[in-house]
Amino acid sequence: MYTLAAANAMVSTIGMILVYVVIFGGFWFLLMRPQKKEQKRIAQMIAEMEVGDTVLTTSGFYGVVIDITDDDVIVEFGSNKNCRIPMQKAAIAQVEKTGE
């Protein structure tokens, strides 16, 4: 049989475990979940990118998408038609569709 002290220790241990579970669940809900949603939104935006769309790069440059491959895009910057730079899709921060 359990003594009163052993029962109190077991209840205290279970209480501490529940507190840690609640704290971890709160951190997940407040920090990790929104980050995963944002990553999904960005991945969808890049997947829907088409030739002719205007993009904003992570470095702050606006350009027009000229060509798209699996991992890279070729972006034309400015009114000079000779300024075409290949870059990774991960460097795209925002996409504006041509019709919008």
PDB file of N, CA and C in Angstrom:
ATOM      1  N   MET A   1       0.834  -1.188   0.000  1.00  0.00           N
ATOM      2  CA  MET A   1       0.000   0.000   0.000  1.00  0.00           C
ATOM      3  C   MET A   1       0.873   1.244   0.000  1.00  0.00           C
ATOM      4  N   TYR A   2       0.288   2.289  -0.552  1.00  0.00           N
ATOM      5  CA  TYR A   2       0.979   3.572  -0.583  1.00  0.00           C
ATOM      6  C   TYR A   2       0.755   4.310   0.723  1.00  0.00           C
ATOM      7  N   THR A   3       1.785   4.985   1.147  1.00  0.00           N
ATOM      8  CA  THR A   3       1.617   5.850   2.307  1.00  0.00           C
ATOM      9  C   THR A   3       1.155   7.207   1.813  1.00  0.00           C
ATOM     10  N   LEU A   4       0.786   8.047   2.725  1.00  0.00           N
ATOM     11  CA  LEU A   4       0.294   9.378   2.373  1.00  0.00           C
ATOM     12  C   LEU A   4       1.398  10.199   1.698  1.00  0.00           C
ATOM     13  N   ALA A   5       2.622  10.069   2.167  1.00  0.00           N
ATOM     14  CA  ALA A   5       3.729  10.823   1.580  1.00  0.00           C
ATOM     15  C   ALA A   5       4.021  10.354   0.151  1.00  0.00           C
ATOM     16  N   ALA A   6       3.947   9.048  -0.079  1.00  0.00           N
ATOM     17  CA  ALA A   6       4.185   8.526  -1.426  1.00  0.00           C
ATOM     18  C   ALA A   6       3.086   8.965  -2.383  1.00  0.00           C
ATOM     19  N   ALA A   7       1.854   8.982  -1.913  1.00  0.00           N
ATOM     20  CA  ALA A   7       0.734   9.428  -2.752  1.00  0.00           C
ATOM     21  C   ALA A   7       0.880  10.907  -3.090  1.00  0.00           C
ATOM     22  N   ASN A   8       1.277  11.723  -2.116  1.00  0.00           N
ATOM     23  CA  ASN A   8       1.481  13.151  -2.378  1.00  0.00           C
ATOM     24  C   ASN A   8       2.611  13.375  -3.370  1.00  0.00           C
ATOM     25  N   ALA A   9       3.670  12.597  -3.289  1.00  0.00           N
ATOM     26  CA  ALA A   9       4.791  12.730  -4.219  1.00  0.00           C
ATOM     27  C   ALA A   9       4.364  12.349  -5.639  1.00  0.00           C
ATOM     28  N   MET A  10       3.550  11.297  -5.741  1.00  0.00           N
ATOM     29  CA  MET A  10       3.096  10.871  -7.054  1.00  0.00           C
ATOM     30  C   MET A  10       2.165  11.925  -7.675  1.00  0.00           C
ATOM     31  N   VAL A  11       1.269  12.496  -6.926  1.00  0.00           N
ATOM     32  CA  VAL A  11       0.371  13.540  -7.413  1.00  0.00           C
ATOM     33  C   VAL A  11       1.175  14.775  -7.809  1.00  0.00           C
ATOM     34  N   SER A  12       2.178  15.109  -7.027  1.00  0.00           N
ATOM     35  CA  SER A  12       3.028  16.252  -7.344  1.00  0.00           C
ATOM     36  C   SER A  12       3.788  16.027  -8.649  1.00  0.00           C
ATOM     37  N   THR A  13       4.302  14.815  -8.847  1.00  0.00           N
ATOM     38  CA  THR A  13       5.031  14.490 -10.075  1.00  0.00           C
ATOM     39  C   THR A  13       4.106  14.554 -11.286  1.00  0.00           C
ATOM     40  N   ILE A  14       2.909  14.012 -11.170  1.00  0.00           N
ATOM     41  CA  ILE A  14       1.953  14.054 -12.276  1.00  0.00           C
ATOM     42  C   ILE A  14       1.558  15.500 -12.575  1.00  0.00           C
ATOM     43  N   GLY A  15       1.405  16.305 -11.538  1.00  0.00           N
ATOM     44  CA  GLY A  15       1.081  17.718 -11.730  1.00  0.00           C
ATOM     45  C   GLY A  15       2.176  18.459 -12.475  1.00  0.00           C
ATOM     46  N   MET A  16       3.431  18.185 -12.133  1.00  0.00           N
ATOM     47  CA  MET A  16       4.556  18.837 -12.818  1.00  0.00           C
ATOM     48  C   MET A  16       4.611  18.417 -14.292  1.00  0.00           C
ATOM     49  N   ILE A  17       4.368  17.135 -14.548  1.00  0.00           N
ATOM     50  CA  ILE A  17       4.367  16.660 -15.934  1.00  0.00           C
ATOM     51  C   ILE A  17       3.263  17.364 -16.726  1.00  0.00           C
ATOM     52  N   LEU A  18       2.095  17.502 -16.141  1.00  0.00           N
ATOM     53  CA  LEU A  18       0.996  18.194 -16.823  1.00  0.00           C
ATOM     54  C   LEU A  18       1.333  19.660 -17.089  1.00  0.00           C
ATOM     55  N   VAL A  19       2.000  20.317 -16.156  1.00  0.00           N
ATOM     56  CA  VAL A  19       2.400  21.711 -16.359  1.00  0.00           C
ATOM     57  C   VAL A  19       3.367  21.810 -17.540  1.00  0.00           C
ATOM     58  N   TYR A  20       4.341  20.906 -17.627  1.00  0.00           N
ATOM     59  CA  TYR A  20       5.288  20.921 -18.747  1.00  0.00           C
ATOM     60  C   TYR A  20       4.585  20.660 -20.085  1.00  0.00           C
ATOM     61  N   VAL A  21       3.622  19.743 -20.077  1.00  0.00           N
ATOM     62  CA  VAL A  21       2.868  19.454 -21.301  1.00  0.00           C
ATOM     63  C   VAL A  21       2.085  20.682 -21.744  1.00  0.00           C
ATOM     64  N   VAL A  22       1.459  21.384 -20.816  1.00  0.00           N
ATOM     65  CA  VAL A  22       0.697  22.590 -21.149  1.00  0.00           C
ATOM     66  C   VAL A  22       1.625  23.686 -21.666  1.00  0.00           C
ATOM     67  N   ILE A  23       2.775  23.853 -21.055  1.00  0.00           N
ATOM     68  CA  ILE A  23       3.736  24.875 -21.506  1.00  0.00           C
ATOM     69  C   ILE A  23       4.231  24.546 -22.915  1.00  0.00           C
ATOM     70  N   PHE A  24       4.600  23.295 -23.165  1.00  0.00           N
ATOM     71  CA  PHE A  24       5.058  22.909 -24.492  1.00  0.00           C
ATOM     72  C   PHE A  24       3.952  23.089 -25.525  1.00  0.00           C
ATOM     73  N   GLY A  25       2.731  22.707 -25.186  1.00  0.00           N
ATOM     74  CA  GLY A  25       1.596  22.890 -26.097  1.00  0.00           C
ATOM     75  C   GLY A  25       1.353  24.361 -26.398  1.00  0.00           C
ATOM     76  N   GLY A  26       1.504  25.217 -25.403  1.00  0.00           N
ATOM     77  CA  GLY A  26       1.345  26.649 -25.628  1.00  0.00           C
ATOM     78  C   GLY A  26       2.412  27.204 -26.547  1.00  0.00           C
ATOM     79  N   PHE A  27       3.661  26.801 -26.345  1.00  0.00           N
ATOM     80  CA  PHE A  27       4.736  27.248 -27.238  1.00  0.00           C
ATOM     81  C   PHE A  27       4.494  26.776 -28.662  1.00  0.00           C
ATOM     82  N   TRP A  28       4.062  25.530 -28.819  1.00  0.00           N
ATOM     83  CA  TRP A  28       3.791  25.020 -30.159  1.00  0.00           C
ATOM     84  C   TRP A  28       2.686  25.838 -30.818  1.00  0.00           C
ATOM     85  N   PHE A  29       1.612  26.092 -30.072  1.00  0.00           N
ATOM     86  CA  PHE A  29       0.467  26.797 -30.635  1.00  0.00           C
ATOM     87  C   PHE A  29       0.812  28.242 -30.980  1.00  0.00           C
ATOM     88  N   LEU A  30       1.648  28.890 -30.162  1.00  0.00           N
ATOM     89  CA  LEU A  30       1.955  30.303 -30.383  1.00  0.00           C
ATOM     90  C   LEU A  30       3.136  30.539 -31.318  1.00  0.00           C
ATOM     91  N   LEU A  31       4.086  29.619 -31.400  1.00  0.00           N
ATOM     92  CA  LEU A  31       5.302  29.854 -32.175  1.00  0.00           C
ATOM     93  C   LEU A  31       5.437  28.956 -33.403  1.00  0.00           C
ATOM     94  N   MET A  32       5.334  27.665 -33.228  1.00  0.00           N
ATOM     95  CA  MET A  32       5.632  26.749 -34.323  1.00  0.00           C
ATOM     96  C   MET A  32       4.520  26.678 -35.359  1.00  0.00           C
ATOM     97  N   ARG A  33       3.279  26.669 -34.907  1.00  0.00           N
ATOM     98  CA  ARG A  33       2.150  26.534 -35.827  1.00  0.00           C
ATOM     99  C   ARG A  33       2.062  27.695 -36.812  1.00  0.00           C
ATOM    100  N   PRO A  34       2.143  28.957 -36.379  1.00  0.00           N
ATOM    101  CA  PRO A  34       2.102  30.052 -37.359  1.00  0.00           C
ATOM    102  C   PRO A  34       3.276  30.033 -38.333  1.00  0.00           C
ATOM    103  N   GLN A  35       4.447  29.604 -37.878  1.00  0.00           N
ATOM    104  CA  GLN A  35       5.607  29.535 -38.759  1.00  0.00           C
ATOM    105  C   GLN A  35       5.384  28.509 -39.867  1.00  0.00           C
ATOM    106  N   LYS A  36       4.808  27.363 -39.530  1.00  0.00           N
ATOM    107  CA  LYS A  36       4.538  26.342 -40.537  1.00  0.00           C
ATOM    108  C   LYS A  36       3.485  26.826 -41.533  1.00  0.00           C
ATOM    109  N   LYS A  37       2.480  27.562 -41.055  1.00  0.00           N
ATOM    110  CA  LYS A  37       1.475  28.118 -41.963  1.00  0.00           C
ATOM    111  C   LYS A  37       2.108  29.091 -42.944  1.00  0.00           C
ATOM    112  N   GLU A  38       3.012  29.934 -42.466  1.00  0.00           N
ATOM    113  CA  GLU A  38       3.690  30.908 -43.323  1.00  0.00           C
ATOM    114  C   GLU A  38       4.565  30.200 -44.354  1.00  0.00           C
ATOM    115  N   GLN A  39       5.251  29.148 -43.952  1.00  0.00           N
ATOM    116  CA  GLN A  39       6.084  28.390 -44.887  1.00  0.00           C
ATOM    117  C   GLN A  39       5.228  27.757 -45.983  1.00  0.00           C
ATOM    118  N   LYS A  40       4.056  27.228 -45.622  1.00  0.00           N
ATOM    119  CA  LYS A  40       3.155  26.649 -46.613  1.00  0.00           C
ATOM    120  C   LYS A  40       2.648  27.715 -47.574  1.00  0.00           C
ATOM    121  N   ARG A  41       2.337  28.910 -47.070  1.00  0.00           N
ATOM    122  CA  ARG A  41       1.844  29.997 -47.902  1.00  0.00           C
ATOM    123  C   ARG A  41       2.909  30.420 -48.917  1.00  0.00           C
ATOM    124  N   ILE A  42       4.148  30.540 -48.470  1.00  0.00           N
ATOM    125  CA  ILE A  42       5.237  30.943 -49.360  1.00  0.00           C
ATOM    126  C   ILE A  42       5.502  29.853 -50.404  1.00  0.00           C
ATOM    127  N   ALA A  43       5.478  28.598 -50.000  1.00  0.00           N
ATOM    128  CA  ALA A  43       5.699  27.499 -50.948  1.00  0.00           C
ATOM    129  C   ALA A  43       4.604  27.473 -52.009  1.00  0.00           C
ATOM    130  N   GLN A  44       3.360  27.717 -51.613  1.00  0.00           N
ATOM    131  CA  GLN A  44       2.260  27.756 -52.571  1.00  0.00           C
ATOM    132  C   GLN A  44       2.410  28.946 -53.523  1.00  0.00           C
ATOM    133  N   MET A  45       2.811  30.107 -52.987  1.00  0.00           N
ATOM    134  CA  MET A  45       3.000  31.296 -53.801  1.00  0.00           C
ATOM    135  C   MET A  45       4.077  31.047 -54.861  1.00  0.00           C
ATOM    136  N   ILE A  46       5.172  30.424 -54.489  1.00  0.00           N
ATOM    137  CA  ILE A  46       6.250  30.151 -55.434  1.00  0.00           C
ATOM    138  C   ILE A  46       5.834  29.086 -56.442  1.00  0.00           C
ATOM    139  N   ALA A  47       5.042  28.111 -56.009  1.00  0.00           N
ATOM    140  CA  ALA A  47       4.585  27.066 -56.934  1.00  0.00           C
ATOM    141  C   ALA A  47       3.638  27.633 -57.993  1.00  0.00           C
ATOM    142  N   GLU A  48       2.875  28.671 -57.656  1.00  0.00           N
ATOM    143  CA  GLU A  48       1.926  29.266 -58.591  1.00  0.00           C
ATOM    144  C   GLU A  48       2.542  30.370 -59.447  1.00  0.00           C
ATOM    145  N   MET A  49       3.821  30.659 -59.257  1.00  0.00           N
ATOM    146  CA  MET A  49       4.493  31.713 -60.008  1.00  0.00           C
ATOM    147  C   MET A  49       4.570  31.341 -61.488  1.00  0.00           C
ATOM    148  N   GLU A  50       4.326  32.328 -62.353  1.00  0.00           N
ATOM    149  CA  GLU A  50       4.339  32.102 -63.791  1.00  0.00           C
ATOM    150  C   GLU A  50       5.243  33.115 -64.470  1.00  0.00           C
ATOM    151  N   VAL A  51       5.606  32.821 -65.716  1.00  0.00           N
ATOM    152  CA  VAL A  51       6.401  33.748 -66.515  1.00  0.00           C
ATOM    153  C   VAL A  51       5.575  35.018 -66.723  1.00  0.00           C
ATOM    154  N   GLY A  52       6.216  36.174 -66.520  1.00  0.00           N
ATOM    155  CA  GLY A  52       5.551  37.462 -66.670  1.00  0.00           C
ATOM    156  C   GLY A  52       5.106  38.072 -65.353  1.00  0.00           C
ATOM    157  N   ASP A  53       5.123  37.306 -64.265  1.00  0.00           N
ATOM    158  CA  ASP A  53       4.750  37.847 -62.954  1.00  0.00           C
ATOM    159  C   ASP A  53       5.834  38.783 -62.438  1.00  0.00           C
ATOM    160  N   THR A  54       5.419  39.789 -61.693  1.00  0.00           N
ATOM    161  CA  THR A  54       6.363  40.693 -61.047  1.00  0.00           C
ATOM    162  C   THR A  54       6.704  40.113 -59.678  1.00  0.00           C
ATOM    163  N   VAL A  55       7.997  40.071 -59.354  1.00  0.00           N
ATOM    164  CA  VAL A  55       8.438  39.500 -58.086  1.00  0.00           C
ATOM    165  C   VAL A  55       9.254  40.522 -57.301  1.00  0.00           C
ATOM    166  N   LEU A  56       9.223  40.373 -55.999  1.00  0.00           N
ATOM    167  CA  LEU A  56      10.073  41.130 -55.096  1.00  0.00           C
ATOM    168  C   LEU A  56      11.042  40.138 -54.485  1.00  0.00           C
ATOM    169  N   THR A  57      12.338  40.392 -54.616  1.00  0.00           N
ATOM    170  CA  THR A  57      13.336  39.480 -54.063  1.00  0.00           C
ATOM    171  C   THR A  57      13.566  39.783 -52.588  1.00  0.00           C
ATOM    172  N   THR A  58      14.227  38.870 -51.918  1.00  0.00           N
ATOM    173  CA  THR A  58      14.514  39.078 -50.500  1.00  0.00           C
ATOM    174  C   THR A  58      15.484  40.223 -50.277  1.00  0.00           C
ATOM    175  N   SER A  59      16.206  40.620 -51.311  1.00  0.00           N
ATOM    176  CA  SER A  59      17.128  41.756 -51.189  1.00  0.00           C
ATOM    177  C   SER A  59      16.462  43.080 -51.533  1.00  0.00           C
ATOM    178  N   GLY A  60      15.184  43.047 -51.933  1.00  0.00           N
ATOM    179  CA  GLY A  60      14.436  44.277 -52.148  1.00  0.00           C
ATOM    180  C   GLY A  60      14.340  44.747 -53.583  1.00  0.00           C
ATOM    181  N   PHE A  61      14.727  43.936 -54.546  1.00  0.00           N
ATOM    182  CA  PHE A  61      14.658  44.321 -55.953  1.00  0.00           C
ATOM    183  C   PHE A  61      13.365  43.810 -56.577  1.00  0.00           C
ATOM    184  N   TYR A  62      12.731  44.647 -57.395  1.00  0.00           N
ATOM    185  CA  TYR A  62      11.572  44.236 -58.165  1.00  0.00           C
ATOM    186  C   TYR A  62      12.023  43.807 -59.548  1.00  0.00           C
ATOM    187  N   GLY A  63      11.403  42.768 -60.083  1.00  0.00           N
ATOM    188  CA  GLY A  63      11.741  42.298 -61.415  1.00  0.00           C
ATOM    189  C   GLY A  63      10.607  41.493 -62.005  1.00  0.00           C
ATOM    190  N   VAL A  64      10.768  41.096 -63.247  1.00  0.00           N
ATOM    191  CA  VAL A  64       9.771  40.310 -63.970  1.00  0.00           C
ATOM    192  C   VAL A  64      10.369  38.937 -64.272  1.00  0.00           C
ATOM    193  N   VAL A  65       9.594  37.895 -64.036  1.00  0.00           N
ATOM    194  CA  VAL A  65      10.053  36.529 -64.268  1.00  0.00           C
ATOM    195  C   VAL A  65      10.085  36.269 -65.775  1.00  0.00           C
ATOM    196  N   ILE A  66      11.240  35.832 -66.267  1.00  0.00           N
ATOM    197  CA  ILE A  66      11.427  35.545 -67.683  1.00  0.00           C
ATOM    198  C   ILE A  66      11.376  34.043 -67.956  1.00  0.00           C
ATOM    199  N   ASP A  67      11.954  33.241 -67.048  1.00  0.00           N
ATOM    200  CA  ASP A  67      11.997  31.789 -67.246  1.00  0.00           C
ATOM    201  C   ASP A  67      11.975  31.114 -65.881  1.00  0.00           C
ATOM    202  N   ILE A  68      11.379  29.926 -65.820  1.00  0.00           N
ATOM    203  CA  ILE A  68      11.290  29.165 -64.570  1.00  0.00           C
ATOM    204  C   ILE A  68      11.792  27.754 -64.820  1.00  0.00           C
ATOM    205  N   THR A  69      12.711  27.290 -63.971  1.00  0.00           N
ATOM    206  CA  THR A  69      13.146  25.892 -63.983  1.00  0.00           C
ATOM    207  C   THR A  69      12.750  25.276 -62.646  1.00  0.00           C
ATOM    208  N   ASP A  70      13.263  24.088 -62.346  1.00  0.00           N
ATOM    209  CA  ASP A  70      12.864  23.400 -61.114  1.00  0.00           C
ATOM    210  C   ASP A  70      13.208  24.195 -59.856  1.00  0.00           C
ATOM    211  N   ASP A  71      14.448  24.623 -59.724  1.00  0.00           N
ATOM    212  CA  ASP A  71      14.892  25.310 -58.518  1.00  0.00           C
ATOM    213  C   ASP A  71      15.209  26.782 -58.736  1.00  0.00           C
ATOM    214  N   ASP A  72      15.328  27.205 -59.986  1.00  0.00           N
ATOM    215  CA  ASP A  72      15.783  28.555 -60.282  1.00  0.00           C
ATOM    216  C   ASP A  72      14.764  29.310 -61.131  1.00  0.00           C
ATOM    217  N   VAL A  73      14.893  30.629 -61.132  1.00  0.00           N
ATOM    218  CA  VAL A  73      14.131  31.496 -62.024  1.00  0.00           C
ATOM    219  C   VAL A  73      15.101  32.504 -62.628  1.00  0.00           C
ATOM    220  N   ILE A  74      14.760  33.005 -63.804  1.00  0.00           N
ATOM    221  CA  ILE A  74      15.527  34.093 -64.398  1.00  0.00           C
ATOM    222  C   ILE A  74      14.649  35.324 -64.316  1.00  0.00           C
ATOM    223  N   VAL A  75      15.173  36.369 -63.673  1.00  0.00           N
ATOM    224  CA  VAL A  75      14.413  37.584 -63.428  1.00  0.00           C
ATOM    225  C   VAL A  75      15.072  38.733 -64.181  1.00  0.00           C
ATOM    226  N   GLU A  76      14.240  39.540 -64.830  1.00  0.00           N
ATOM    227  CA  GLU A  76      14.711  40.711 -65.559  1.00  0.00           C
ATOM    228  C   GLU A  76      14.442  41.943 -64.697  1.00  0.00           C
ATOM    229  N   PHE A  77      15.474  42.728 -64.445  1.00  0.00           N
ATOM    230  CA  PHE A  77      15.363  43.896 -63.570  1.00  0.00           C
ATOM    231  C   PHE A  77      15.413  45.180 -64.381  1.00  0.00           C
ATOM    232  N   GLY A  78      14.568  46.136 -64.027  1.00  0.00           N
ATOM    233  CA  GLY A  78      14.591  47.453 -64.652  1.00  0.00           C
ATOM    234  C   GLY A  78      14.097  47.433 -66.084  1.00  0.00           C
ATOM    235  N   SER A  79      14.245  48.561 -66.754  1.00  0.00           N
ATOM    236  CA  SER A  79      13.798  48.666 -68.140  1.00  0.00           C
ATOM    237  C   SER A  79      14.867  48.194 -69.116  1.00  0.00           C
ATOM    238  N   ASN A  80      16.056  47.910 -68.628  1.00  0.00           N
ATOM    239  CA  ASN A  80      17.147  47.422 -69.468  1.00  0.00           C
ATOM    240  C   ASN A  80      16.923  45.929 -69.723  1.00  0.00           C
ATOM    241  N   LYS A  81      16.718  45.553 -70.963  1.00  0.00           N
ATOM    242  CA  LYS A  81      16.416  44.152 -71.293  1.00  0.00           C
ATOM    243  C   LYS A  81      17.631  43.243 -71.163  1.00  0.00           C
ATOM    244  N   ASN A  82      18.815  43.822 -70.939  1.00  0.00           N
ATOM    245  CA  ASN A  82      20.024  43.011 -70.812  1.00  0.00           C
ATOM    246  C   ASN A  82      20.315  42.616 -69.371  1.00  0.00           C
ATOM    247  N   CYS A  83      19.533  43.076 -68.430  1.00  0.00           N
ATOM    248  CA  CYS A  83      19.789  42.785 -67.017  1.00  0.00           C
ATOM    249  C   CYS A  83      18.915  41.621 -66.567  1.00  0.00           C
ATOM    250  N   ARG A  84      19.340  40.419 -66.927  1.00  0.00           N
ATOM    251  CA  ARG A  84      18.622  39.199 -66.555  1.00  0.00           C
ATOM    252  C   ARG A  84      19.513  38.383 -65.636  1.00  0.00           C
ATOM    253  N   ILE A  85      18.984  38.062 -64.473  1.00  0.00           N
ATOM    254  CA  ILE A  85      19.797  37.391 -63.456  1.00  0.00           C
ATOM    255  C   ILE A  85      19.111  36.097 -63.028  1.00  0.00           C
ATOM    256  N   PRO A  86      19.823  34.964 -63.093  1.00  0.00           N
ATOM    257  CA  PRO A  86      19.259  33.731 -62.539  1.00  0.00           C
ATOM    258  C   PRO A  86      19.370  33.752 -61.023  1.00  0.00           C
ATOM    259  N   MET A  87      18.334  33.288 -60.375  1.00  0.00           N
ATOM    260  CA  MET A  87      18.341  33.229 -58.901  1.00  0.00           C
ATOM    261  C   MET A  87      17.502  32.047 -58.437  1.00  0.00           C
ATOM    262  N   GLN A  88      17.727  31.655 -57.197  1.00  0.00           N
ATOM    263  CA  GLN A  88      16.973  30.553 -56.614  1.00  0.00           C
ATOM    264  C   GLN A  88      15.560  31.008 -56.302  1.00  0.00           C
ATOM    265  N   LYS A  89      14.627  30.061 -56.348  1.00  0.00           N
ATOM    266  CA  LYS A  89      13.241  30.386 -56.016  1.00  0.00           C
ATOM    267  C   LYS A  89      13.114  30.825 -54.561  1.00  0.00           C
ATOM    268  N   ALA A  90      14.009  30.363 -53.716  1.00  0.00           N
ATOM    269  CA  ALA A  90      13.965  30.718 -52.297  1.00  0.00           C
ATOM    270  C   ALA A  90      14.244  32.205 -52.077  1.00  0.00           C
ATOM    271  N   ALA A  91      14.821  32.886 -53.074  1.00  0.00           N
ATOM    272  CA  ALA A  91      15.121  34.311 -52.951  1.00  0.00           C
ATOM    273  C   ALA A  91      13.926  35.184 -53.298  1.00  0.00           C
ATOM    274  N   ILE A  92      12.795  34.585 -53.652  1.00  0.00           N
ATOM    275  CA  ILE A  92      11.589  35.336 -53.974  1.00  0.00           C
ATOM    276  C   ILE A  92      10.778  35.537 -52.697  1.00  0.00           C
ATOM    277  N   ALA A  93      10.490  36.807 -52.368  1.00  0.00           N
ATOM    278  CA  ALA A  93       9.756  37.109 -51.150  1.00  0.00           C
ATOM    279  C   ALA A  93       8.267  37.357 -51.421  1.00  0.00           C
ATOM    280  N   GLN A  94       7.948  37.859 -52.626  1.00  0.00           N
ATOM    281  CA  GLN A  94       6.566  38.206 -52.917  1.00  0.00           C
ATOM    282  C   GLN A  94       6.344  38.099 -54.422  1.00  0.00           C
ATOM    283  N   VAL A  95       5.159  37.654 -54.811  1.00  0.00           N
ATOM    284  CA  VAL A  95       4.806  37.525 -56.226  1.00  0.00           C
ATOM    285  C   VAL A  95       3.526  38.307 -56.483  1.00  0.00           C
ATOM    286  N   GLU A  96       3.540  39.139 -57.525  1.00  0.00           N
ATOM    287  CA  GLU A  96       2.346  39.857 -57.962  1.00  0.00           C
ATOM    288  C   GLU A  96       1.992  39.348 -59.346  1.00  0.00           C
ATOM    289  N   LYS A  97       0.774  38.855 -59.493  1.00  0.00           N
ATOM    290  CA  LYS A  97       0.326  38.330 -60.783  1.00  0.00           C
ATOM    291  C   LYS A  97       0.205  39.471 -61.785  1.00  0.00           C
ATOM    292  N   THR A  98       0.337  39.157 -63.069  1.00  0.00           N
ATOM    293  CA  THR A  98       0.320  40.183 -64.109  1.00  0.00           C
ATOM    294  C   THR A  98      -1.039  40.849 -64.234  1.00  0.00           C
ATOM    295  N   GLY A  99      -2.115  40.153 -63.984  1.00  0.00           N
ATOM    296  CA  GLY A  99      -3.455  40.719 -64.136  1.00  0.00           C
ATOM    297  C   GLY A  99      -3.892  41.587 -62.974  1.00  0.00           C
ATOM    298  N   GLU A 100      -3.182  41.571 -61.888  1.00  0.00           N
ATOM    299  CA  GLU A 100      -3.635  42.284 -60.686  1.00  0.00           C
ATOM    300  C   GLU A 100      -3.122  43.703 -60.638  1.00  0.00           C
TER     301      GLU A 100
END
